[in-house]
Amino acid sequence: MSEQPAPADHARQQLEPAAADAVRAYAAKTRENADQFAAVLEDIAENGLPSVEDCTPWEQLREDHLARLAAQRPAVA
């Protein structure tokens, strides 16, 4: 049998209002991303996989993402 951890008697530490807002914003963004991913999976389940001609190769997606990251990073002299 596995033992269940004993409930903690410790009070939870409250977040500062700005930190709580940041956590809520992160949760909302994560939820939005999950909803988009779920919609793609539902579309695949309903309609099947897209044709290869309609897809972007992963190498191109990677290069595009790396270019976006490089553009956000300040240049070093």
PDB file of N, CA and C in Angstrom:
ATOM      1  N   MET A   1       0.849  -1.184   0.000  1.00  0.00           N
ATOM      2  CA  MET A   1       0.000   0.000   0.000  1.00  0.00           C
ATOM      3  C   MET A   1       0.890   1.241   0.000  1.00  0.00           C
ATOM      4  N   SER A   2       0.479   2.206  -0.717  1.00  0.00           N
ATOM      5  CA  SER A   2       1.232   3.464  -0.702  1.00  0.00           C
ATOM      6  C   SER A   2       0.646   4.384   0.357  1.00  0.00           C
ATOM      7  N   GLU A   3       1.525   5.122   0.962  1.00  0.00           N
ATOM      8  CA  GLU A   3       1.086   6.047   1.999  1.00  0.00           C
ATOM      9  C   GLU A   3       0.749   7.394   1.388  1.00  0.00           C
ATOM     10  N   GLN A   4      -0.330   7.948   1.815  1.00  0.00           N
ATOM     11  CA  GLN A   4      -0.720   9.287   1.376  1.00  0.00           C
ATOM     12  C   GLN A   4       0.009  10.298   2.243  1.00  0.00           C
ATOM     13  N   PRO A   5       0.513  11.383   1.616  1.00  0.00           N
ATOM     14  CA  PRO A   5       1.177  12.401   2.440  1.00  0.00           C
ATOM     15  C   PRO A   5       0.188  13.049   3.408  1.00  0.00           C
ATOM     16  N   ALA A   6       0.689  13.335   4.584  1.00  0.00           N
ATOM     17  CA  ALA A   6      -0.149  13.977   5.598  1.00  0.00           C
ATOM     18  C   ALA A   6      -0.460  15.405   5.158  1.00  0.00           C
ATOM     19  N   PRO A   7      -1.664  15.884   5.410  1.00  0.00           N
ATOM     20  CA  PRO A   7      -1.974  17.261   5.044  1.00  0.00           C
ATOM     21  C   PRO A   7      -1.102  18.242   5.821  1.00  0.00           C
ATOM     22  N   ALA A   8      -0.657  19.252   5.127  1.00  0.00           N
ATOM     23  CA  ALA A   8       0.220  20.244   5.761  1.00  0.00           C
ATOM     24  C   ALA A   8      -0.589  21.199   6.618  1.00  0.00           C
ATOM     25  N   ASP A   9      -0.005  21.577   7.754  1.00  0.00           N
ATOM     26  CA  ASP A   9      -0.649  22.528   8.648  1.00  0.00           C
ATOM     27  C   ASP A   9      -0.221  23.961   8.334  1.00  0.00           C
ATOM     28  N   HIS A  10       0.534  24.134   7.272  1.00  0.00           N
ATOM     29  CA  HIS A  10       1.109  25.439   6.974  1.00  0.00           C
ATOM     30  C   HIS A  10       0.109  26.304   6.202  1.00  0.00           C
ATOM     31  N   ALA A  11       0.137  27.569   6.545  1.00  0.00           N
ATOM     32  CA  ALA A  11      -0.709  28.513   5.825  1.00  0.00           C
ATOM     33  C   ALA A  11      -0.069  28.805   4.473  1.00  0.00           C
ATOM     34  N   ARG A  12      -0.879  29.041   3.474  1.00  0.00           N
ATOM     35  CA  ARG A  12      -0.369  29.359   2.150  1.00  0.00           C
ATOM     36  C   ARG A  12       0.091  30.804   2.113  1.00  0.00           C
ATOM     37  N   GLN A  13       1.174  31.021   1.439  1.00  0.00           N
ATOM     38  CA  GLN A  13       1.716  32.369   1.308  1.00  0.00           C
ATOM     39  C   GLN A  13       1.004  33.082   0.166  1.00  0.00           C
ATOM     40  N   GLN A  14       0.423  34.203   0.461  1.00  0.00           N
ATOM     41  CA  GLN A  14      -0.297  34.970  -0.543  1.00  0.00           C
ATOM     42  C   GLN A  14       0.693  35.694  -1.451  1.00  0.00           C
ATOM     43  N   LEU A  15       0.331  35.808  -2.721  1.00  0.00           N
ATOM     44  CA  LEU A  15       1.156  36.525  -3.684  1.00  0.00           C
ATOM     45  C   LEU A  15       0.853  38.011  -3.648  1.00  0.00           C
ATOM     46  N   GLU A  16       1.825  38.772  -4.047  1.00  0.00           N
ATOM     47  CA  GLU A  16       1.596  40.202  -4.248  1.00  0.00           C
ATOM     48  C   GLU A  16       0.597  40.344  -5.397  1.00  0.00           C
ATOM     49  N   PRO A  17      -0.194  41.423  -5.421  1.00  0.00           N
ATOM     50  CA  PRO A  17      -1.185  41.587  -6.490  1.00  0.00           C
ATOM     51  C   PRO A  17      -0.587  41.514  -7.892  1.00  0.00           C
ATOM     52  N   ALA A  18       0.579  42.113  -8.115  1.00  0.00           N
ATOM     53  CA  ALA A  18       1.198  42.072  -9.444  1.00  0.00           C
ATOM     54  C   ALA A  18       1.607  40.646  -9.802  1.00  0.00           C
ATOM     55  N   ALA A  19       2.118  39.904  -8.836  1.00  0.00           N
ATOM     56  CA  ALA A  19       2.506  38.515  -9.091  1.00  0.00           C
ATOM     57  C   ALA A  19       1.282  37.654  -9.375  1.00  0.00           C
ATOM     58  N   ALA A  20       0.218  37.867  -8.633  1.00  0.00           N
ATOM     59  CA  ALA A  20      -1.022  37.119  -8.870  1.00  0.00           C
ATOM     60  C   ALA A  20      -1.563  37.420 -10.265  1.00  0.00           C
ATOM     61  N   ASP A  21      -1.503  38.676 -10.680  1.00  0.00           N
ATOM     62  CA  ASP A  21      -1.944  39.040 -12.027  1.00  0.00           C
ATOM     63  C   ASP A  21      -1.090  38.362 -13.081  1.00  0.00           C
ATOM     64  N   ALA A  22       0.215  38.280 -12.847  1.00  0.00           N
ATOM     65  CA  ALA A  22       1.112  37.628 -13.798  1.00  0.00           C
ATOM     66  C   ALA A  22       0.804  36.133 -13.900  1.00  0.00           C
ATOM     67  N   VAL A  23       0.513  35.504 -12.776  1.00  0.00           N
ATOM     68  CA  VAL A  23       0.166  34.086 -12.779  1.00  0.00           C
ATOM     69  C   VAL A  23      -1.148  33.873 -13.527  1.00  0.00           C
ATOM     70  N   ARG A  24      -2.119  34.741 -13.294  1.00  0.00           N
ATOM     71  CA  ARG A  24      -3.397  34.629 -14.012  1.00  0.00           C
ATOM     72  C   ARG A  24      -3.210  34.825 -15.516  1.00  0.00           C
ATOM     73  N   ALA A  25      -2.363  35.775 -15.903  1.00  0.00           N
ATOM     74  CA  ALA A  25      -2.096  36.015 -17.325  1.00  0.00           C
ATOM     75  C   ALA A  25      -1.422  34.797 -17.949  1.00  0.00           C
ATOM     76  N   TYR A  26      -0.476  34.205 -17.231  1.00  0.00           N
ATOM     77  CA  TYR A  26       0.193  33.002 -17.734  1.00  0.00           C
ATOM     78  C   TYR A  26      -0.810  31.854 -17.875  1.00  0.00           C
ATOM     79  N   ALA A  27      -1.684  31.702 -16.911  1.00  0.00           N
ATOM     80  CA  ALA A  27      -2.702  30.652 -16.975  1.00  0.00           C
ATOM     81  C   ALA A  27      -3.624  30.868 -18.173  1.00  0.00           C
ATOM     82  N   ALA A  28      -4.013  32.120 -18.413  1.00  0.00           N
ATOM     83  CA  ALA A  28      -4.888  32.419 -19.545  1.00  0.00           C
ATOM     84  C   ALA A  28      -4.191  32.108 -20.871  1.00  0.00           C
ATOM     85  N   LYS A  29      -2.914  32.467 -20.979  1.00  0.00           N
ATOM     86  CA  LYS A  29      -2.160  32.202 -22.204  1.00  0.00           C
ATOM     87  C   LYS A  29      -1.990  30.699 -22.409  1.00  0.00           C
ATOM     88  N   THR A  30      -1.705  29.973 -21.336  1.00  0.00           N
ATOM     89  CA  THR A  30      -1.563  28.526 -21.417  1.00  0.00           C
ATOM     90  C   THR A  30      -2.879  27.891 -21.845  1.00  0.00           C
ATOM     91  N   ARG A  31      -3.985  28.363 -21.281  1.00  0.00           N
ATOM     92  CA  ARG A  31      -5.311  27.853 -21.638  1.00  0.00           C
ATOM     93  C   ARG A  31      -5.610  28.135 -23.116  1.00  0.00           C
ATOM     94  N   GLU A  32      -5.264  29.339 -23.577  1.00  0.00           N
ATOM     95  CA  GLU A  32      -5.485  29.703 -24.978  1.00  0.00           C
ATOM     96  C   GLU A  32      -4.684  28.788 -25.903  1.00  0.00           C
ATOM     97  N   ASN A  33      -3.421  28.547 -25.562  1.00  0.00           N
ATOM     98  CA  ASN A  33      -2.585  27.660 -26.380  1.00  0.00           C
ATOM     99  C   ASN A  33      -3.151  26.240 -26.398  1.00  0.00           C
ATOM    100  N   ALA A  34      -3.618  25.767 -25.257  1.00  0.00           N
ATOM    101  CA  ALA A  34      -4.189  24.427 -25.181  1.00  0.00           C
ATOM    102  C   ALA A  34      -5.456  24.339 -26.025  1.00  0.00           C
ATOM    103  N   ASP A  35      -6.273  25.384 -25.995  1.00  0.00           N
ATOM    104  CA  ASP A  35      -7.492  25.406 -26.806  1.00  0.00           C
ATOM    105  C   ASP A  35      -7.164  25.371 -28.291  1.00  0.00           C
ATOM    106  N   GLN A  36      -6.130  26.108 -28.711  1.00  0.00           N
ATOM    107  CA  GLN A  36      -5.722  26.097 -30.120  1.00  0.00           C
ATOM    108  C   GLN A  36      -5.223  24.712 -30.517  1.00  0.00           C
ATOM    109  N   PHE A  37      -4.415  24.103 -29.667  1.00  0.00           N
ATOM    110  CA  PHE A  37      -3.891  22.776 -29.947  1.00  0.00           C
ATOM    111  C   PHE A  37      -5.030  21.762 -30.036  1.00  0.00           C
ATOM    112  N   ALA A  38      -5.984  21.850 -29.118  1.00  0.00           N
ATOM    113  CA  ALA A  38      -7.126  20.944 -29.128  1.00  0.00           C
ATOM    114  C   ALA A  38      -7.941  21.119 -30.405  1.00  0.00           C
ATOM    115  N   ALA A  39      -8.094  22.361 -30.863  1.00  0.00           N
ATOM    116  CA  ALA A  39      -8.842  22.610 -32.095  1.00  0.00           C
ATOM    117  C   ALA A  39      -8.151  21.966 -33.295  1.00  0.00           C
ATOM    118  N   VAL A  40      -6.826  22.035 -33.337  1.00  0.00           N
ATOM    119  CA  VAL A  40      -6.084  21.400 -34.432  1.00  0.00           C
ATOM    120  C   VAL A  40      -6.287  19.891 -34.388  1.00  0.00           C
ATOM    121  N   LEU A  41      -6.177  19.308 -33.201  1.00  0.00           N
ATOM    122  CA  LEU A  41      -6.366  17.862 -33.081  1.00  0.00           C
ATOM    123  C   LEU A  41      -7.780  17.445 -33.471  1.00  0.00           C
ATOM    124  N   GLU A  42      -8.775  18.231 -33.080  1.00  0.00           N
ATOM    125  CA  GLU A  42     -10.161  17.924 -33.451  1.00  0.00           C
ATOM    126  C   GLU A  42     -10.341  18.017 -34.961  1.00  0.00           C
ATOM    127  N   ASP A  43      -9.700  19.005 -35.600  1.00  0.00           N
ATOM    128  CA  ASP A  43      -9.778  19.137 -37.051  1.00  0.00           C
ATOM    129  C   ASP A  43      -9.153  17.924 -37.736  1.00  0.00           C
ATOM    130  N   ILE A  44      -8.003  17.471 -37.218  1.00  0.00           N
ATOM    131  CA  ILE A  44      -7.358  16.287 -37.791  1.00  0.00           C
ATOM    132  C   ILE A  44      -8.255  15.066 -37.621  1.00  0.00           C
ATOM    133  N   ALA A  45      -8.854  14.921 -36.445  1.00  0.00           N
ATOM    134  CA  ALA A  45      -9.742  13.790 -36.202  1.00  0.00           C
ATOM    135  C   ALA A  45     -10.947  13.829 -37.146  1.00  0.00           C
ATOM    136  N   GLU A  46     -11.462  15.012 -37.407  1.00  0.00           N
ATOM    137  CA  GLU A  46     -12.649  15.162 -38.253  1.00  0.00           C
ATOM    138  C   GLU A  46     -12.322  15.016 -39.736  1.00  0.00           C
ATOM    139  N   ASN A  47     -11.213  15.625 -40.172  1.00  0.00           N
ATOM    140  CA  ASN A  47     -10.928  15.729 -41.605  1.00  0.00           C
ATOM    141  C   ASN A  47      -9.706  14.957 -42.067  1.00  0.00           C
ATOM    142  N   GLY A  48      -8.974  14.367 -41.153  1.00  0.00           N
ATOM    143  CA  GLY A  48      -7.761  13.657 -41.521  1.00  0.00           C
ATOM    144  C   GLY A  48      -6.567  14.597 -41.566  1.00  0.00           C
ATOM    145  N   LEU A  49      -5.407  14.031 -41.840  1.00  0.00           N
ATOM    146  CA  LEU A  49      -4.185  14.826 -41.907  1.00  0.00           C
ATOM    147  C   LEU A  49      -4.174  15.689 -43.160  1.00  0.00           C
ATOM    148  N   PRO A  50      -3.603  16.888 -43.080  1.00  0.00           N
ATOM    149  CA  PRO A  50      -3.498  17.730 -44.275  1.00  0.00           C
ATOM    150  C   PRO A  50      -2.492  17.126 -45.252  1.00  0.00           C
ATOM    151  N   SER A  51      -2.601  17.508 -46.511  1.00  0.00           N
ATOM    152  CA  SER A  51      -1.660  17.003 -47.511  1.00  0.00           C
ATOM    153  C   SER A  51      -0.283  17.620 -47.259  1.00  0.00           C
ATOM    154  N   VAL A  52       0.744  16.942 -47.714  1.00  0.00           N
ATOM    155  CA  VAL A  52       2.117  17.405 -47.530  1.00  0.00           C
ATOM    156  C   VAL A  52       2.304  18.774 -48.180  1.00  0.00           C
ATOM    157  N   GLU A  53       1.660  19.016 -49.303  1.00  0.00           N
ATOM    158  CA  GLU A  53       1.797  20.287 -50.014  1.00  0.00           C
ATOM    159  C   GLU A  53       1.248  21.463 -49.209  1.00  0.00           C
ATOM    160  N   ASP A  54       0.313  21.193 -48.310  1.00  0.00           N
ATOM    161  CA  ASP A  54      -0.296  22.252 -47.501  1.00  0.00           C
ATOM    162  C   ASP A  54       0.453  22.499 -46.195  1.00  0.00           C
ATOM    163  N   CYS A  55       1.513  21.746 -45.946  1.00  0.00           N
ATOM    164  CA  CYS A  55       2.244  21.843 -44.689  1.00  0.00           C
ATOM    165  C   CYS A  55       3.546  22.621 -44.871  1.00  0.00           C
ATOM    166  N   THR A  56       4.005  23.214 -43.789  1.00  0.00           N
ATOM    167  CA  THR A  56       5.293  23.902 -43.770  1.00  0.00           C
ATOM    168  C   THR A  56       6.316  22.961 -43.145  1.00  0.00           C
ATOM    169  N   PRO A  57       7.449  22.753 -43.822  1.00  0.00           N
ATOM    170  CA  PRO A  57       8.466  21.857 -43.249  1.00  0.00           C
ATOM    171  C   PRO A  57       8.935  22.379 -41.886  1.00  0.00           C
ATOM    172  N   TRP A  58       9.235  21.451 -40.986  1.00  0.00           N
ATOM    173  CA  TRP A  58       9.628  21.840 -39.635  1.00  0.00           C
ATOM    174  C   TRP A  58      10.905  22.665 -39.648  1.00  0.00           C
ATOM    175  N   GLU A  59      11.791  22.412 -40.621  1.00  0.00           N
ATOM    176  CA  GLU A  59      13.023  23.193 -40.688  1.00  0.00           C
ATOM    177  C   GLU A  59      12.727  24.675 -40.924  1.00  0.00           C
ATOM    178  N   GLN A  60      11.732  24.946 -41.774  1.00  0.00           N
ATOM    179  CA  GLN A  60      11.354  26.336 -42.035  1.00  0.00           C
ATOM    180  C   GLN A  60      10.720  26.961 -40.796  1.00  0.00           C
ATOM    181  N   LEU A  61       9.878  26.203 -40.108  1.00  0.00           N
ATOM    182  CA  LEU A  61       9.276  26.709 -38.874  1.00  0.00           C
ATOM    183  C   LEU A  61      10.356  27.041 -37.853  1.00  0.00           C
ATOM    184  N   ARG A  62      11.361  26.153 -37.731  1.00  0.00           N
ATOM    185  CA  ARG A  62      12.466  26.379 -36.798  1.00  0.00           C
ATOM    186  C   ARG A  62      13.235  27.646 -37.148  1.00  0.00           C
ATOM    187  N   GLU A  63      13.583  27.807 -38.424  1.00  0.00           N
ATOM    188  CA  GLU A  63      14.347  28.972 -38.855  1.00  0.00           C
ATOM    189  C   GLU A  63      13.560  30.263 -38.635  1.00  0.00           C
ATOM    190  N   ASP A  64      12.265  30.229 -38.922  1.00  0.00           N
ATOM    191  CA  ASP A  64      11.418  31.407 -38.693  1.00  0.00           C
ATOM    192  C   ASP A  64      11.387  31.770 -37.212  1.00  0.00           C
ATOM    193  N   HIS A  65      11.262  30.760 -36.359  1.00  0.00           N
ATOM    194  CA  HIS A  65      11.212  31.009 -34.914  1.00  0.00           C
ATOM    195  C   HIS A  65      12.551  31.554 -34.408  1.00  0.00           C
ATOM    196  N   LEU A  66      13.646  30.970 -34.874  1.00  0.00           N
ATOM    197  CA  LEU A  66      14.957  31.464 -34.463  1.00  0.00           C
ATOM    198  C   LEU A  66      15.172  32.902 -34.927  1.00  0.00           C
ATOM    199  N   ALA A  67      14.682  33.243 -36.099  1.00  0.00           N
ATOM    200  CA  ALA A  67      14.801  34.619 -36.590  1.00  0.00           C
ATOM    201  C   ALA A  67      13.994  35.573 -35.709  1.00  0.00           C
ATOM    202  N   ARG A  68      12.796  35.155 -35.276  1.00  0.00           N
ATOM    203  CA  ARG A  68      11.991  35.998 -34.373  1.00  0.00           C
ATOM    204  C   ARG A  68      12.707  36.199 -33.048  1.00  0.00           C
ATOM    205  N   LEU A  69      13.286  35.116 -32.528  1.00  0.00           N
ATOM    206  CA  LEU A  69      14.021  35.233 -31.263  1.00  0.00           C
ATOM    207  C   LEU A  69      15.227  36.155 -31.412  1.00  0.00           C
ATOM    208  N   ALA A  70      15.943  36.044 -32.502  1.00  0.00           N
ATOM    209  CA  ALA A  70      17.120  36.895 -32.724  1.00  0.00           C
ATOM    210  C   ALA A  70      16.713  38.349 -32.856  1.00  0.00           C
ATOM    211  N   ALA A  71      15.561  38.620 -33.456  1.00  0.00           N
ATOM    212  CA  ALA A  71      15.093  39.991 -33.608  1.00  0.00           C
ATOM    213  C   ALA A  71      14.703  40.598 -32.276  1.00  0.00           C
ATOM    214  N   GLN A  72      14.266  39.783 -31.317  1.00  0.00           N
ATOM    215  CA  GLN A  72      13.875  40.283 -29.998  1.00  0.00           C
ATOM    216  C   GLN A  72      15.084  40.551 -29.115  1.00  0.00           C
ATOM    217  N   ARG A  73      16.187  39.919 -29.419  1.00  0.00           N
ATOM    218  CA  ARG A  73      17.382  40.022 -28.585  1.00  0.00           C
ATOM    219  C   ARG A  73      18.174  41.264 -28.963  1.00  0.00           C
ATOM    220  N   PRO A  74      18.579  42.055 -27.978  1.00  0.00           N
ATOM    221  CA  PRO A  74      19.360  43.248 -28.297  1.00  0.00           C
ATOM    222  C   PRO A  74      20.716  42.873 -28.898  1.00  0.00           C
ATOM    223  N   ALA A  75      21.153  43.653 -29.846  1.00  0.00           N
ATOM    224  CA  ALA A  75      22.437  43.397 -30.501  1.00  0.00           C
ATOM    225  C   ALA A  75      23.587  43.704 -29.565  1.00  0.00           C
ATOM    226  N   VAL A  76      24.611  42.906 -29.639  1.00  0.00           N
ATOM    227  CA  VAL A  76      25.804  43.110 -28.810  1.00  0.00           C
ATOM    228  C   VAL A  76      26.879  43.745 -29.683  1.00  0.00           C
ATOM    229  N   ALA A  77      27.475  44.843 -29.201  1.00  0.00           N
ATOM    230  CA  ALA A  77      28.492  45.534 -30.009  1.00  0.00           C
ATOM    231  C   ALA A  77      29.812  44.832 -29.971  1.00  0.00           C
TER     232      ALA A  77
END
